Amino acid sequence: MLFLFEKPGRMTSAGGKGSGFISRNNDDPTAKATFDFMKEANLCRDRTVIWNVVPGWNGTRKITKAELSAGVAALRGLLPLLPKLRTVILVGKKAQRAKPLVEPLGFRVFVSAHPSPLVRASQYDVWRKIPSIWAQAGILDRPPGPCD
């Protein structure tokens, strides 16, 4: 399963307090929610890939058209590296712009809200539905039994 988020946050910046990479184990609220929601949805870590439609942090949450275009080009390069990929979850409105790219390739495509504190604060009911959407997406990709 490919979780396609929007853009990494400042905590992924190696030049600051962050780890320098995208991880559900980063020390920030979005990573914690991602970790908790994946666990709640019984999604095994070894069956998921996290990527961003805009792959790098540049000091702002804004996403330009140029960044989005470059991100889609990078995504085109990533998809062939995932030959067993069957399901793509587009996480957040900006990531959902990649739907025309991934849908014609035959993937099962799901959309969910972004697990950020901003969505939690402004749309709590939508935010709380994220794990159920992710669980639904993972039904065919889930091996029997619990994840480690």
C-alpha atoms as a PDB file:
ATOM      1  CA  MET A   1       0.000   0.000   0.000  1.00  0.00           C
ATOM      2  CA  LEU A   2       1.273   3.440  -0.922  1.00  0.00           C
ATOM      3  CA  PHE A   3       0.265   6.291   1.360  1.00  0.00           C
ATOM      4  CA  LEU A   4       0.689   9.416  -0.699  1.00  0.00           C
ATOM      5  CA  PHE A   5       0.717  12.430   1.610  1.00  0.00           C
ATOM      6  CA  GLU A   6       0.954  16.089   0.565  1.00  0.00           C
ATOM      7  CA  LYS A   7       4.322  17.500   1.615  1.00  0.00           C
ATOM      8  CA  PRO A   8       6.727  16.711   4.445  1.00  0.00           C
ATOM      9  CA  GLY A   9       6.655  19.026   7.421  1.00  0.00           C
ATOM     10  CA  ARG A  10       9.466  20.919   9.087  1.00  0.00           C
ATOM     11  CA  MET A  11      10.204  18.024  11.443  1.00  0.00           C
ATOM     12  CA  THR A  12      11.559  16.041   8.485  1.00  0.00           C
ATOM     13  CA  SER A  13      14.300  18.598   7.909  1.00  0.00           C
ATOM     14  CA  ALA A  14      17.739  17.290   8.863  1.00  0.00           C
ATOM     15  CA  GLY A  15      18.926  20.892   9.248  1.00  0.00           C
ATOM     16  CA  GLY A  16      16.521  21.518  12.126  1.00  0.00           C
ATOM     17  CA  LYS A  17      15.169  19.381  14.929  1.00  0.00           C
ATOM     18  CA  GLY A  18      13.852  16.707  12.586  1.00  0.00           C
ATOM     19  CA  SER A  19      15.057  13.276  11.585  1.00  0.00           C
ATOM     20  CA  GLY A  20      15.820  14.147   7.973  1.00  0.00           C
ATOM     21  CA  PHE A  21      13.358  11.649   6.542  1.00  0.00           C
ATOM     22  CA  ILE A  22       9.672  10.768   6.461  1.00  0.00           C
ATOM     23  CA  SER A  23       8.658   8.333   9.183  1.00  0.00           C
ATOM     24  CA  ARG A  24       5.585   7.519  11.214  1.00  0.00           C
ATOM     25  CA  ASN A  25       8.043   7.470  14.145  1.00  0.00           C
ATOM     26  CA  ASN A  26       9.023  11.139  13.870  1.00  0.00           C
ATOM     27  CA  ASP A  27       8.439  13.300  16.917  1.00  0.00           C
ATOM     28  CA  ASP A  28       5.525  15.387  15.680  1.00  0.00           C
ATOM     29  CA  PRO A  29       1.715  15.238  15.940  1.00  0.00           C
ATOM     30  CA  THR A  30       1.106  14.198  12.313  1.00  0.00           C
ATOM     31  CA  ALA A  31       3.557  11.301  12.561  1.00  0.00           C
ATOM     32  CA  LYS A  32       1.985  10.199  15.849  1.00  0.00           C
ATOM     33  CA  ALA A  33      -1.511  10.283  14.352  1.00  0.00           C
ATOM     34  CA  THR A  34      -0.249   8.375  11.289  1.00  0.00           C
ATOM     35  CA  PHE A  35       1.355   5.735  13.526  1.00  0.00           C
ATOM     36  CA  ASP A  36      -1.744   5.423  15.724  1.00  0.00           C
ATOM     37  CA  PHE A  37      -4.186   5.347  12.802  1.00  0.00           C
ATOM     38  CA  MET A  38      -2.163   2.673  10.957  1.00  0.00           C
ATOM     39  CA  LYS A  39      -2.100   0.589  14.121  1.00  0.00           C
ATOM     40  CA  GLU A  40      -5.848   1.095  14.644  1.00  0.00           C
ATOM     41  CA  ALA A  41      -6.452   0.062  11.011  1.00  0.00           C
ATOM     42  CA  ASN A  42      -4.227  -3.035  11.506  1.00  0.00           C
ATOM     43  CA  LEU A  43      -1.896  -2.002   8.682  1.00  0.00           C
ATOM     44  CA  CYS A  44       1.426  -3.794   8.876  1.00  0.00           C
ATOM     45  CA  ARG A  45       4.483  -1.570   8.534  1.00  0.00           C
ATOM     46  CA  ASP A  46       6.189  -3.970   6.124  1.00  0.00           C
ATOM     47  CA  ARG A  47       3.267  -3.711   3.702  1.00  0.00           C
ATOM     48  CA  THR A  48       3.144   0.096   3.523  1.00  0.00           C
ATOM     49  CA  VAL A  49       5.186   2.845   1.874  1.00  0.00           C
ATOM     50  CA  ILE A  50       4.884   6.510   2.833  1.00  0.00           C
ATOM     51  CA  TRP A  51       5.617   9.102   0.164  1.00  0.00           C
ATOM     52  CA  ASN A  52       4.670  12.706  -0.503  1.00  0.00           C
ATOM     53  CA  VAL A  53       3.353  14.213  -3.698  1.00  0.00           C
ATOM     54  CA  VAL A  54       5.876  16.972  -2.975  1.00  0.00           C
ATOM     55  CA  PRO A  55       8.873  15.026  -1.696  1.00  0.00           C
ATOM     56  CA  GLY A  56      10.848  17.714   0.155  1.00  0.00           C
ATOM     57  CA  TRP A  57      10.426  20.387   2.815  1.00  0.00           C
ATOM     58  CA  ASN A  58      11.384  23.902   1.732  1.00  0.00           C
ATOM     59  CA  GLY A  59      10.452  25.988   4.749  1.00  0.00           C
ATOM     60  CA  THR A  60       6.760  26.527   3.985  1.00  0.00           C
ATOM     61  CA  ARG A  61       3.541  24.501   3.999  1.00  0.00           C
ATOM     62  CA  LYS A  62       2.445  26.141   0.763  1.00  0.00           C
ATOM     63  CA  ILE A  63       2.634  23.991  -2.361  1.00  0.00           C
ATOM     64  CA  THR A  64       3.384  25.688  -5.664  1.00  0.00           C
ATOM     65  CA  LYS A  65       2.354  24.371  -9.073  1.00  0.00           C
ATOM     66  CA  ALA A  66       6.028  23.825  -9.902  1.00  0.00           C
ATOM     67  CA  GLU A  67       6.525  21.719  -6.749  1.00  0.00           C
ATOM     68  CA  LEU A  68       3.427  19.709  -7.541  1.00  0.00           C
ATOM     69  CA  SER A  69       4.592  19.066 -11.111  1.00  0.00           C
ATOM     70  CA  ALA A  70       8.039  17.994  -9.918  1.00  0.00           C
ATOM     71  CA  GLY A  71       6.444  15.784  -7.278  1.00  0.00           C
ATOM     72  CA  VAL A  72       4.227  14.039  -9.821  1.00  0.00           C
ATOM     73  CA  ALA A  73       7.293  13.421 -11.992  1.00  0.00           C
ATOM     74  CA  ALA A  74       9.073  11.869  -8.987  1.00  0.00           C
ATOM     75  CA  LEU A  75       6.001   9.746  -8.290  1.00  0.00           C
ATOM     76  CA  ARG A  76       6.105   8.456 -11.866  1.00  0.00           C
ATOM     77  CA  GLY A  77       9.636   7.274 -11.123  1.00  0.00           C
ATOM     78  CA  LEU A  78       8.634   5.648  -7.840  1.00  0.00           C
ATOM     79  CA  LEU A  79       5.695   3.549  -9.048  1.00  0.00           C
ATOM     80  CA  PRO A  80       7.743   1.109 -11.182  1.00  0.00           C
ATOM     81  CA  LEU A  81       9.877   0.379  -8.103  1.00  0.00           C
ATOM     82  CA  LEU A  82       6.790  -1.032  -6.354  1.00  0.00           C
ATOM     83  CA  PRO A  83       5.791  -3.994  -8.545  1.00  0.00           C
ATOM     84  CA  LYS A  84       3.474  -5.528  -5.913  1.00  0.00           C
ATOM     85  CA  LEU A  85       1.596  -2.272  -5.306  1.00  0.00           C
ATOM     86  CA  ARG A  86      -2.175  -2.666  -5.516  1.00  0.00           C
ATOM     87  CA  THR A  87      -3.561   0.120  -3.343  1.00  0.00           C
ATOM     88  CA  VAL A  88      -2.880   3.857  -3.171  1.00  0.00           C
ATOM     89  CA  ILE A  89      -4.293   6.078  -0.421  1.00  0.00           C
ATOM     90  CA  LEU A  90      -4.258   9.777  -1.281  1.00  0.00           C
ATOM     91  CA  VAL A  91      -3.926  11.557   2.065  1.00  0.00           C
ATOM     92  CA  GLY A  92      -5.090  15.170   1.976  1.00  0.00           C
ATOM     93  CA  LYS A  93      -6.509  17.433  -0.692  1.00  0.00           C
ATOM     94  CA  LYS A  94      -3.181  18.288  -2.343  1.00  0.00           C
ATOM     95  CA  ALA A  95      -2.255  14.608  -2.619  1.00  0.00           C
ATOM     96  CA  GLN A  96      -5.618  13.935  -4.225  1.00  0.00           C
ATOM     97  CA  ARG A  97      -4.402  15.924  -7.230  1.00  0.00           C
ATOM     98  CA  ALA A  98      -2.368  12.824  -8.152  1.00  0.00           C
ATOM     99  CA  LYS A  99      -5.555  10.787  -8.656  1.00  0.00           C
ATOM    100  CA  PRO A 100      -5.535  11.236 -12.472  1.00  0.00           C
ATOM    101  CA  LEU A 101      -2.021   9.770 -12.528  1.00  0.00           C
ATOM    102  CA  VAL A 102      -2.579   6.698 -10.340  1.00  0.00           C
ATOM    103  CA  GLU A 103      -6.179   5.745 -11.111  1.00  0.00           C
ATOM    104  CA  PRO A 104      -5.651   4.781 -14.794  1.00  0.00           C
ATOM    105  CA  LEU A 105      -2.782   2.482 -13.755  1.00  0.00           C
ATOM    106  CA  GLY A 106      -5.255   0.029 -12.244  1.00  0.00           C
ATOM    107  CA  PHE A 107      -4.589   0.677  -8.558  1.00  0.00           C
ATOM    108  CA  ARG A 108      -7.367   0.672  -6.015  1.00  0.00           C
ATOM    109  CA  VAL A 109      -7.448   4.335  -5.011  1.00  0.00           C
ATOM    110  CA  PHE A 110      -8.783   5.643  -1.704  1.00  0.00           C
ATOM    111  CA  VAL A 111      -8.850   9.189  -0.377  1.00  0.00           C
ATOM    112  CA  SER A 112      -8.713  10.368   3.196  1.00  0.00           C
ATOM    113  CA  ALA A 113      -8.256  13.537   5.139  1.00  0.00           C
ATOM    114  CA  HIS A 114      -4.763  14.422   6.316  1.00  0.00           C
ATOM    115  CA  PRO A 115      -3.939  13.380   9.918  1.00  0.00           C
ATOM    116  CA  SER A 116      -2.507  16.790  10.781  1.00  0.00           C
ATOM    117  CA  PRO A 117      -3.358  18.836  13.872  1.00  0.00           C
ATOM    118  CA  LEU A 118      -4.914  21.465  11.574  1.00  0.00           C
ATOM    119  CA  VAL A 119      -7.480  18.978  10.258  1.00  0.00           C
ATOM    120  CA  ARG A 120      -8.049  17.620  13.751  1.00  0.00           C
ATOM    121  CA  ALA A 121      -8.786  21.120  15.064  1.00  0.00           C
ATOM    122  CA  SER A 122     -11.058  22.204  12.214  1.00  0.00           C
ATOM    123  CA  GLN A 123     -12.740  18.922  11.163  1.00  0.00           C
ATOM    124  CA  TYR A 124     -12.486  16.490  14.050  1.00  0.00           C
ATOM    125  CA  ASP A 125     -15.235  14.153  12.764  1.00  0.00           C
ATOM    126  CA  VAL A 126     -13.481  13.885   9.383  1.00  0.00           C
ATOM    127  CA  TRP A 127     -10.117  13.350  11.123  1.00  0.00           C
ATOM    128  CA  ARG A 128     -11.529  10.528  13.281  1.00  0.00           C
ATOM    129  CA  LYS A 129     -12.759   8.688  10.151  1.00  0.00           C
ATOM    130  CA  ILE A 130      -9.217   8.345   8.776  1.00  0.00           C
ATOM    131  CA  PRO A 131      -8.440   4.953  10.408  1.00  0.00           C
ATOM    132  CA  SER A 132     -11.653   3.394   9.099  1.00  0.00           C
ATOM    133  CA  ILE A 133     -10.869   4.549   5.552  1.00  0.00           C
ATOM    134  CA  TRP A 134      -7.326   3.190   5.857  1.00  0.00           C
ATOM    135  CA  ALA A 135      -8.646  -0.114   7.244  1.00  0.00           C
ATOM    136  CA  GLN A 136     -11.053  -0.419   4.321  1.00  0.00           C
ATOM    137  CA  ALA A 137      -8.203   0.236   1.904  1.00  0.00           C
ATOM    138  CA  GLY A 138      -6.083  -2.417   3.583  1.00  0.00           C
ATOM    139  CA  ILE A 139      -8.598  -5.259   3.572  1.00  0.00           C
ATOM    140  CA  LEU A 140      -7.213  -6.990   0.463  1.00  0.00           C
ATOM    141  CA  ASP A 141      -3.605  -6.156   1.294  1.00  0.00           C
ATOM    142  CA  ARG A 142      -3.711  -7.355   4.893  1.00  0.00           C
ATOM    143  CA  PRO A 143      -2.085 -10.667   5.766  1.00  0.00           C
ATOM    144  CA  PRO A 144      -3.983 -12.818   8.259  1.00  0.00           C
ATOM    145  CA  GLY A 145      -3.426 -12.028  11.918  1.00  0.00           C
ATOM    146  CA  PRO A 146      -2.149  -8.966  13.756  1.00  0.00           C
ATOM    147  CA  CYS A 147       0.834  -6.878  12.720  1.00  0.00           C
ATOM    148  CA  ASP A 148       4.051  -6.916  14.694  1.00  0.00           C
END
